[in-house]
N, C-alpha and C. Protein backbone atom coordinates (compact mmCIF):
# COMPACT_ATOMS: atom_id res chain seq x y z
N MET A 1 0.85 -1.32 0.04
CA MET A 1 -0.08 0.05 -0.29
C MET A 1 0.75 1.45 -0.08
N LEU A 2 1.97 1.19 0.59
CA LEU A 2 2.58 2.34 0.57
C LEU A 2 3.33 3.06 -0.59
N THR A 3 3.62 1.75 -1.77
CA THR A 3 4.23 2.52 -2.87
C THR A 3 3.27 2.45 -3.60
N ALA A 4 1.86 2.38 -3.49
CA ALA A 4 0.60 2.56 -4.49
C ALA A 4 0.55 4.12 -4.04
N ILE A 5 0.84 4.72 -3.00
CA ILE A 5 0.21 5.95 -2.62
C ILE A 5 1.45 6.84 -2.50
N GLY A 6 2.56 6.44 -2.99
CA GLY A 6 4.12 7.12 -2.99
C GLY A 6 4.56 7.55 -1.59
N LEU A 7 4.14 6.48 -0.46
CA LEU A 7 4.98 7.10 0.52
C LEU A 7 6.09 5.99 0.81
N LYS A 8 7.33 6.51 1.52
CA LYS A 8 8.22 5.67 2.07
C LYS A 8 8.31 5.01 3.32
N ASP A 9 7.99 5.95 3.96
CA ASP A 9 7.77 5.88 5.67
C ASP A 9 6.63 5.31 6.27
N ARG A 10 6.95 4.20 6.93
CA ARG A 10 5.77 3.44 7.23
C ARG A 10 5.24 4.24 8.46
N LYS A 11 5.80 4.83 9.18
CA LYS A 11 5.24 5.72 10.26
C LYS A 11 4.42 6.47 9.76
N ASN A 12 4.97 7.38 8.92
CA ASN A 12 3.67 8.00 8.35
C ASN A 12 2.56 7.65 7.98
N PHE A 13 2.65 6.50 6.99
CA PHE A 13 1.36 5.78 6.36
C PHE A 13 0.63 5.29 7.57
N VAL A 14 1.10 4.90 8.53
CA VAL A 14 0.04 4.30 9.74
C VAL A 14 -0.18 5.33 10.32
N GLU A 15 0.19 6.56 10.62
CA GLU A 15 -0.26 7.68 11.34
C GLU A 15 -1.19 8.41 10.17
N LEU A 16 -1.31 8.71 9.08
CA LEU A 16 -1.87 9.49 8.09
C LEU A 16 -3.00 8.56 7.48
N PHE A 17 -2.83 7.31 7.26
CA PHE A 17 -3.65 6.72 6.42
C PHE A 17 -4.32 5.57 7.31
N LEU A 18 -3.64 4.50 7.71
CA LEU A 18 -4.13 3.29 7.84
C LEU A 18 -4.85 3.41 9.48
N THR A 19 -4.57 4.28 10.46
CA THR A 19 -5.08 4.49 11.65
C THR A 19 -6.57 4.87 11.41
N PRO A 20 -6.57 6.31 10.69
CA PRO A 20 -7.77 6.81 10.50
C PRO A 20 -8.75 5.73 9.74
N ALA A 21 -8.05 5.27 8.94
CA ALA A 21 -9.02 4.07 8.29
C ALA A 21 -9.49 3.29 8.95
N ILE A 22 -8.92 2.71 9.94
CA ILE A 22 -9.42 1.73 10.72
C ILE A 22 -10.38 2.08 11.89
N ALA A 23 -10.08 3.40 12.35
CA ALA A 23 -10.90 4.12 13.03
C ALA A 23 -12.27 4.40 12.50
N GLU A 24 -12.40 4.68 11.29
CA GLU A 24 -13.46 5.03 10.46
C GLU A 24 -14.32 4.01 9.87
N GLY A 25 -13.61 2.62 10.43
CA GLY A 25 -14.25 1.49 9.67
C GLY A 25 -14.25 1.00 8.46
N PHE A 26 -13.30 1.66 7.90
CA PHE A 26 -13.21 1.22 6.37
C PHE A 26 -11.96 -0.04 6.39
N VAL A 27 -11.31 -0.25 7.15
CA VAL A 27 -10.22 -1.38 7.38
C VAL A 27 -10.24 -1.96 8.55
N ARG A 28 -9.97 -3.31 8.48
CA ARG A 28 -10.13 -4.12 10.14
C ARG A 28 -8.91 -4.85 9.92
N MET A 29 -8.21 -4.99 11.34
CA MET A 29 -7.02 -5.79 11.44
C MET A 29 -7.56 -7.48 11.15
N LEU A 30 -6.74 -8.32 11.02
CA LEU A 30 -7.05 -9.82 10.77
C LEU A 30 -6.98 -10.26 12.30
N TYR A 31 -5.92 -9.61 12.95
CA TYR A 31 -5.93 -10.04 14.39
C TYR A 31 -5.64 -8.71 15.26
N PRO A 32 -7.01 -8.46 15.56
CA PRO A 32 -7.24 -7.20 16.44
C PRO A 32 -6.74 -7.02 17.65
N ASP A 33 -6.51 -8.32 18.14
CA ASP A 33 -6.09 -8.31 19.60
C ASP A 33 -4.46 -8.39 19.90
N LYS A 34 -3.72 -8.52 18.45
CA LYS A 34 -2.38 -8.48 18.79
C LYS A 34 -1.49 -7.49 17.44
N PRO A 35 -1.78 -6.44 17.47
CA PRO A 35 -1.32 -5.50 16.35
C PRO A 35 -0.04 -5.89 15.88
N ARG A 36 1.07 -6.37 16.61
CA ARG A 36 2.27 -6.99 16.26
C ARG A 36 2.42 -8.30 15.74
N HIS A 37 1.47 -9.03 15.35
CA HIS A 37 1.43 -10.31 14.81
C HIS A 37 2.04 -10.52 13.57
N PRO A 38 3.22 -11.55 13.88
CA PRO A 38 3.86 -11.68 12.28
C PRO A 38 3.03 -11.67 11.16
N ARG A 39 1.76 -12.27 11.16
CA ARG A 39 1.35 -12.64 9.62
C ARG A 39 -0.09 -11.27 9.92
N GLN A 40 0.19 -10.22 10.58
CA GLN A 40 -1.03 -9.18 10.40
C GLN A 40 -1.40 -8.80 9.09
N LYS A 41 -2.44 -8.74 8.99
CA LYS A 41 -3.07 -8.46 7.66
C LYS A 41 -4.16 -7.28 7.95
N TYR A 42 -4.58 -6.33 7.02
CA TYR A 42 -5.46 -5.59 6.66
C TYR A 42 -6.40 -5.61 5.75
N LEU A 43 -7.64 -5.75 6.16
CA LEU A 43 -8.81 -6.19 5.50
C LEU A 43 -9.90 -4.72 5.22
N LEU A 44 -10.36 -4.92 3.89
CA LEU A 44 -11.43 -3.79 3.89
C LEU A 44 -12.73 -4.65 4.60
N THR A 45 -13.57 -3.53 5.29
CA THR A 45 -14.84 -3.66 5.59
C THR A 45 -15.65 -3.91 4.57
N ALA A 46 -17.30 -4.09 4.88
CA ALA A 46 -18.14 -4.00 4.07
C ALA A 46 -18.18 -2.14 3.72
N LYS A 47 -18.02 -1.81 4.50
CA LYS A 47 -18.00 0.10 4.12
C LYS A 47 -16.67 0.17 3.20
N GLY A 48 -15.40 -0.06 3.68
CA GLY A 48 -14.42 -0.06 2.96
C GLY A 48 -14.58 -0.50 1.36
N ILE A 49 -15.32 -1.83 1.33
CA ILE A 49 -15.69 -2.25 0.08
C ILE A 49 -16.40 -1.26 -0.89
N ARG A 50 -17.62 -0.65 -0.13
CA ARG A 50 -18.36 0.42 -0.87
C ARG A 50 -17.83 1.24 -1.55
N LEU A 51 -16.88 1.88 -0.58
CA LEU A 51 -15.99 3.19 -0.86
C LEU A 51 -15.32 2.90 -2.29
N TYR A 52 -14.41 1.68 -2.19
CA TYR A 52 -13.53 1.12 -3.17
C TYR A 52 -14.20 1.22 -4.34
N ASP A 53 -15.53 0.48 -4.25
CA ASP A 53 -16.47 0.47 -5.82
C ASP A 53 -16.72 1.78 -6.13
N ALA A 54 -17.21 2.64 -5.43
CA ALA A 54 -17.87 3.86 -5.75
C ALA A 54 -16.53 4.72 -6.50
N ILE A 55 -15.40 4.56 -5.75
CA ILE A 55 -14.35 5.22 -6.46
C ILE A 55 -13.75 4.45 -7.83
N LYS A 56 -13.88 3.34 -8.07
CA LYS A 56 -13.54 2.58 -9.03
C LYS A 56 -14.58 2.92 -9.99
N ASP A 57 -15.84 3.10 -9.70
CA ASP A 57 -16.84 3.18 -10.89
C ASP A 57 -16.62 4.54 -11.39
N GLU A 58 -16.17 5.73 -10.60
CA GLU A 58 -15.75 6.96 -10.75
C GLU A 58 -14.90 6.95 -11.51
N HIS A 59 -13.82 6.27 -11.53
CA HIS A 59 -12.71 6.49 -12.23
C HIS A 59 -12.95 5.64 -13.52
N SER A 60 -13.56 5.07 -13.89
CA SER A 60 -14.17 3.98 -14.96
C SER A 60 -14.99 4.70 -16.02
N GLN A 61 -15.45 5.96 -15.70
CA GLN A 61 -16.64 6.57 -16.29
C GLN A 61 -15.85 7.81 -17.25
């Protein structure tokens, strides 16, 4: 995700994008009780999928 939006620093990405996306309910952690789990992944929620689809549809027109 970092390279997709042109960032190089993970700290800035987490602060500016990932944490707010989790707080707003667009993204959820696979292991929410263990944020530093070695296989931690971030998944789109239903709300996140709707936003993704809306953005994708907007760009395809």
